Amino acid sequence: MPPANPNDSAPRAPSELPCPQCRTRVVWSSENAYRPFCSRRCQLLDLGAWADESHRIGGESAMDEADIDAMLREADRDAPLS
C-alpha cells in the first residue's frame, strides 16, 4: 500500500487573521461576510479612510487636467516651427 499523501488529510481549520482595522482575530471563511474585517463597522471605517485619502497606495501623484493643459501649452510653445 502506498504511503498516505499528507495533502489528503482531514480538512484544515480555517485560517485566522487579524482584522486590518482593529486587529481582532478573524476566521477567514465564507460564513464571515465582512472578511477580512471582523465587522461591518471595521469595514466601513476602512472604506472611509480610503475615501478621505488617509489610506493611499504609494507612488507618484496623478496629474489633474490643469497640469495636463499646462504641459500641452508648454509643449506647443517649445515645438519647432515647420
C-alpha atoms as a PDB file:
ATOM      1  CA  MET A   1       0.000   0.000   0.000  1.00  0.00           C
ATOM      2  CA  PRO A   2       1.465   3.443  -0.970  1.00  0.00           C
ATOM      3  CA  PRO A   3       2.188   5.935   1.792  1.00  0.00           C
ATOM      4  CA  ALA A   4      -0.589   8.375   2.645  1.00  0.00           C
ATOM      5  CA  ASN A   5      -0.377  11.723   0.909  1.00  0.00           C
ATOM      6  CA  PRO A   6      -0.061  14.476   3.527  1.00  0.00           C
ATOM      7  CA  ASN A   7      -2.230  16.717   1.314  1.00  0.00           C
ATOM      8  CA  ASP A   8      -5.125  14.235   1.556  1.00  0.00           C
ATOM      9  CA  SER A   9      -5.558  14.695   5.288  1.00  0.00           C
ATOM     10  CA  ALA A  10      -8.720  15.888   7.011  1.00  0.00           C
ATOM     11  CA  PRO A  11      -9.959  19.350   6.037  1.00  0.00           C
ATOM     12  CA  ARG A  12      -7.884  22.122   7.532  1.00  0.00           C
ATOM     13  CA  ALA A  13      -9.319  24.549  10.025  1.00  0.00           C
ATOM     14  CA  PRO A  14      -9.986  27.993   8.531  1.00  0.00           C
ATOM     15  CA  SER A  15      -7.160  30.485   8.892  1.00  0.00           C
ATOM     16  CA  GLU A  16      -7.348  33.203  11.499  1.00  0.00           C
ATOM     17  CA  LEU A  17      -6.038  36.623  10.565  1.00  0.00           C
ATOM     18  CA  PRO A  18      -6.056  39.998  12.313  1.00  0.00           C
ATOM     19  CA  CYS A  19      -8.753  42.450  11.261  1.00  0.00           C
ATOM     20  CA  PRO A  20      -6.966  45.183   9.264  1.00  0.00           C
ATOM     21  CA  GLN A  21      -8.796  47.860  11.257  1.00  0.00           C
ATOM     22  CA  CYS A  22      -8.872  46.748  14.920  1.00  0.00           C
ATOM     23  CA  ARG A  23      -6.503  43.722  14.883  1.00  0.00           C
ATOM     24  CA  THR A  24      -9.137  41.345  16.400  1.00  0.00           C
ATOM     25  CA  ARG A  25      -8.556  37.757  15.235  1.00  0.00           C
ATOM     26  CA  VAL A  26     -10.961  36.897  12.385  1.00  0.00           C
ATOM     27  CA  VAL A  27     -11.740  33.457  10.966  1.00  0.00           C
ATOM     28  CA  TRP A  28     -11.263  33.513   7.188  1.00  0.00           C
ATOM     29  CA  SER A  29     -14.275  31.571   5.968  1.00  0.00           C
ATOM     30  CA  SER A  30     -17.192  32.028   3.610  1.00  0.00           C
ATOM     31  CA  GLU A  31     -19.508  32.439   6.610  1.00  0.00           C
ATOM     32  CA  ASN A  32     -17.782  35.721   7.516  1.00  0.00           C
ATOM     33  CA  ALA A  33     -19.496  38.253   5.255  1.00  0.00           C
ATOM     34  CA  TYR A  34     -17.095  41.025   6.314  1.00  0.00           C
ATOM     35  CA  ARG A  35     -13.782  39.220   5.828  1.00  0.00           C
ATOM     36  CA  PRO A  36     -11.033  40.266   6.151  1.00  0.00           C
ATOM     37  CA  PHE A  37     -12.721  42.580   8.662  1.00  0.00           C
ATOM     38  CA  CYS A  38     -14.340  41.450  11.906  1.00  0.00           C
ATOM     39  CA  SER A  39     -17.496  43.527  11.480  1.00  0.00           C
ATOM     40  CA  ARG A  40     -19.381  45.924   9.249  1.00  0.00           C
ATOM     41  CA  ARG A  41     -18.158  48.774  11.450  1.00  0.00           C
ATOM     42  CA  CYS A  42     -14.497  47.977  10.771  1.00  0.00           C
ATOM     43  CA  GLN A  43     -15.260  47.506   7.077  1.00  0.00           C
ATOM     44  CA  LEU A  44     -16.896  50.959   6.887  1.00  0.00           C
ATOM     45  CA  LEU A  45     -14.131  52.628   8.901  1.00  0.00           C
ATOM     46  CA  ASP A  46     -11.578  51.269   6.428  1.00  0.00           C
ATOM     47  CA  LEU A  47     -13.667  52.391   3.437  1.00  0.00           C
ATOM     48  CA  GLY A  48     -13.948  55.868   4.974  1.00  0.00           C
ATOM     49  CA  ALA A  49     -10.168  56.044   5.417  1.00  0.00           C
ATOM     50  CA  TRP A  50      -9.715  55.310   1.701  1.00  0.00           C
ATOM     51  CA  ALA A  51     -12.417  57.852   0.789  1.00  0.00           C
ATOM     52  CA  ASP A  52     -10.786  60.687   2.754  1.00  0.00           C
ATOM     53  CA  GLU A  53      -7.349  59.596   1.475  1.00  0.00           C
ATOM     54  CA  SER A  54      -5.944  58.604   4.874  1.00  0.00           C
ATOM     55  CA  HIS A  55      -5.015  55.310   3.199  1.00  0.00           C
ATOM     56  CA  ARG A  56      -3.054  55.595  -0.034  1.00  0.00           C
ATOM     57  CA  ILE A  57      -1.060  53.444  -2.359  1.00  0.00           C
ATOM     58  CA  GLY A  58       2.430  54.847  -2.642  1.00  0.00           C
ATOM     59  CA  GLY A  59       3.631  56.290  -5.885  1.00  0.00           C
ATOM     60  CA  GLU A  60       3.742  59.405  -7.956  1.00  0.00           C
ATOM     61  CA  SER A  61       0.706  61.674  -7.792  1.00  0.00           C
ATOM     62  CA  ALA A  62      -1.607  61.575 -10.766  1.00  0.00           C
ATOM     63  CA  MET A  63      -1.793  64.682 -12.920  1.00  0.00           C
ATOM     64  CA  ASP A  64      -5.038  66.627 -12.949  1.00  0.00           C
ATOM     65  CA  GLU A  65      -6.469  68.320 -16.056  1.00  0.00           C
ATOM     66  CA  ALA A  66      -4.891  71.700 -15.248  1.00  0.00           C
ATOM     67  CA  ASP A  67      -1.425  70.088 -15.120  1.00  0.00           C
ATOM     68  CA  ILE A  68      -2.007  68.322 -18.428  1.00  0.00           C
ATOM     69  CA  ASP A  69      -3.264  71.519 -20.097  1.00  0.00           C
ATOM     70  CA  ALA A  70      -0.209  73.459 -18.869  1.00  0.00           C
ATOM     71  CA  MET A  71       2.126  70.725 -20.097  1.00  0.00           C
ATOM     72  CA  LEU A  72       0.456  70.727 -23.545  1.00  0.00           C
ATOM     73  CA  ARG A  73       0.691  74.548 -23.791  1.00  0.00           C
ATOM     74  CA  GLU A  74       4.391  74.394 -22.961  1.00  0.00           C
ATOM     75  CA  ALA A  75       4.953  71.593 -25.486  1.00  0.00           C
ATOM     76  CA  ASP A  76       3.182  73.674 -28.163  1.00  0.00           C
ATOM     77  CA  ARG A  77       5.357  76.706 -27.285  1.00  0.00           C
ATOM     78  CA  ASP A  78       8.563  74.640 -27.439  1.00  0.00           C
ATOM     79  CA  ALA A  79       7.671  72.810 -30.660  1.00  0.00           C
ATOM     80  CA  PRO A  80       9.844  73.744 -33.636  1.00  0.00           C
ATOM     81  CA  LEU A  81       8.115  75.577 -36.460  1.00  0.00           C
ATOM     82  CA  SER A  82       7.885  73.622 -39.698  1.00  0.00           C
END
